[in-house]
């Protein structure tokens, strides 16, 4: 395989990753930001109102979770978090990609 083809493939993969996270931010802003905040950190007022501790999506504990675990939480819910309805598998993948960009 030529270096040009390999470089082109790597560039395409990088662009796909960026566009996935970019698309994921739009879905996150619409479906997740209300509870998890614009930067992945919930506001104390929302936690108090809902009587729940909302996970900091930047935290090492959340970032250490597998993509499959994050997808399951998004689609099935966990604890007091309800499932996010109406998302395609691609949108869920994109949200997970966006969550990965929130690392501390």
Protein backbone atom coordinates (compact mmCIF):
# COMPACT_ATOMS: atom_id res chain seq x y z
CA UNK A 1 0.00 0.00 0.00
CA UNK A 2 1.44 3.35 -0.94
CA UNK A 3 2.11 6.02 1.65
CA UNK A 4 -0.35 8.33 -0.14
CA UNK A 5 -3.20 5.83 0.16
CA UNK A 6 -2.36 5.11 3.79
CA UNK A 7 -2.18 8.83 4.60
CA UNK A 8 -5.52 9.40 2.83
CA UNK A 9 -7.15 6.59 4.81
CA UNK A 10 -5.83 7.94 8.10
CA UNK A 11 -7.04 11.43 7.24
CA UNK A 12 -10.49 10.09 6.37
CA UNK A 13 -10.64 8.25 9.70
CA UNK A 14 -9.66 11.40 11.59
CA UNK A 15 -12.30 13.44 9.76
CA UNK A 16 -14.95 10.82 10.49
CA UNK A 17 -14.05 10.93 14.19
CA UNK A 18 -14.25 14.71 14.29
CA UNK A 19 -17.54 14.80 12.40
CA UNK A 20 -18.93 12.10 14.72
CA UNK A 21 -18.08 14.18 17.78
CA UNK A 22 -19.37 17.32 16.05
CA UNK A 23 -22.65 15.64 15.19
CA UNK A 24 -22.72 14.20 18.71
CA UNK A 25 -22.46 17.68 20.22
CA UNK A 26 -25.62 18.73 18.37
CA UNK A 27 -27.49 15.68 19.70
CA UNK A 28 -26.00 16.22 23.18
CA UNK A 29 -27.08 19.87 23.17
CA UNK A 30 -30.62 18.83 22.27
CA UNK A 31 -31.04 15.70 24.41
CA UNK A 32 -28.47 15.71 27.24
CA UNK A 33 -27.40 19.26 28.07
CA UNK A 34 -30.52 19.96 30.13
CA UNK A 35 -29.32 17.62 32.89
CA UNK A 36 -25.61 17.15 32.21
CA UNK A 37 -24.86 20.81 31.49
CA UNK A 38 -23.15 22.35 28.48
CA UNK A 39 -19.73 21.00 29.47
CA UNK A 40 -20.72 17.65 30.99
CA UNK A 41 -20.98 19.02 34.54
CA UNK A 42 -24.47 19.25 36.01
CA UNK A 43 -25.54 22.33 37.89
CA UNK A 44 -26.05 21.85 41.64
CA UNK A 45 -29.49 23.47 41.34
CA UNK A 46 -30.67 20.79 38.90
CA UNK A 47 -29.27 18.03 41.12
CA UNK A 48 -31.05 19.50 44.13
CA UNK A 49 -34.33 19.93 42.27
CA UNK A 50 -34.22 16.36 40.93
CA UNK A 51 -32.83 14.95 44.20
CA UNK A 52 -30.12 13.07 42.35
CA UNK A 53 -26.37 13.23 41.83
CA UNK A 54 -25.74 13.59 38.11
CA UNK A 55 -22.52 12.07 36.83
CA UNK A 56 -19.80 14.46 35.70
CA UNK A 57 -19.16 13.29 32.14
CA UNK A 58 -15.60 14.67 32.33
CA UNK A 59 -14.73 12.51 35.31
CA UNK A 60 -12.19 9.71 35.07
CA UNK A 61 -14.88 7.24 36.20
CA UNK A 62 -17.18 8.08 33.29
CA UNK A 63 -14.33 8.37 30.81
CA UNK A 64 -13.09 4.91 31.89
CA UNK A 65 -16.43 3.34 30.95
CA UNK A 66 -16.51 1.40 27.72
CA UNK A 67 -18.33 2.79 24.70
CA UNK A 68 -20.77 -0.11 25.01
CA UNK A 69 -21.55 0.82 28.63
CA UNK A 70 -22.13 4.47 27.71
CA UNK A 71 -24.37 3.45 24.81
CA UNK A 72 -26.39 1.19 27.11
CA UNK A 73 -26.91 4.00 29.61
CA UNK A 74 -27.97 6.39 26.85
CA UNK A 75 -30.42 3.94 25.30
CA UNK A 76 -31.69 2.08 28.38
CA UNK A 77 -31.18 4.61 31.17
CA UNK A 78 -29.68 3.96 34.58
CA UNK A 79 -31.02 4.76 38.02
CA UNK A 80 -33.10 7.92 37.78
CA UNK A 81 -31.81 8.68 34.29
CA UNK A 82 -34.42 7.83 31.71
CA UNK A 83 -33.44 6.39 28.33
CA UNK A 84 -32.94 8.92 25.56
CA UNK A 85 -35.62 8.02 23.05
CA UNK A 86 -35.66 8.54 19.30
CA UNK A 87 -31.92 8.35 18.62
CA UNK A 88 -30.49 6.25 15.83
CA UNK A 89 -27.54 3.96 16.49
CA UNK A 90 -25.34 6.47 14.62
CA UNK A 91 -26.55 9.33 16.82
CA UNK A 92 -25.77 7.31 19.95
CA UNK A 93 -22.27 6.60 18.58
CA UNK A 94 -21.86 10.32 17.88
CA UNK A 95 -22.90 11.27 21.42
CA UNK A 96 -20.38 8.81 22.84
CA UNK A 97 -17.71 10.32 20.57
CA UNK A 98 -18.65 13.78 21.88
CA UNK A 99 -18.54 12.60 25.52
CA UNK A 100 -15.00 11.39 24.87
CA UNK A 101 -14.01 14.96 23.94
CA UNK A 102 -15.02 16.16 27.42
CA UNK A 103 -12.07 14.49 29.21
CA UNK A 104 -10.56 16.53 32.03
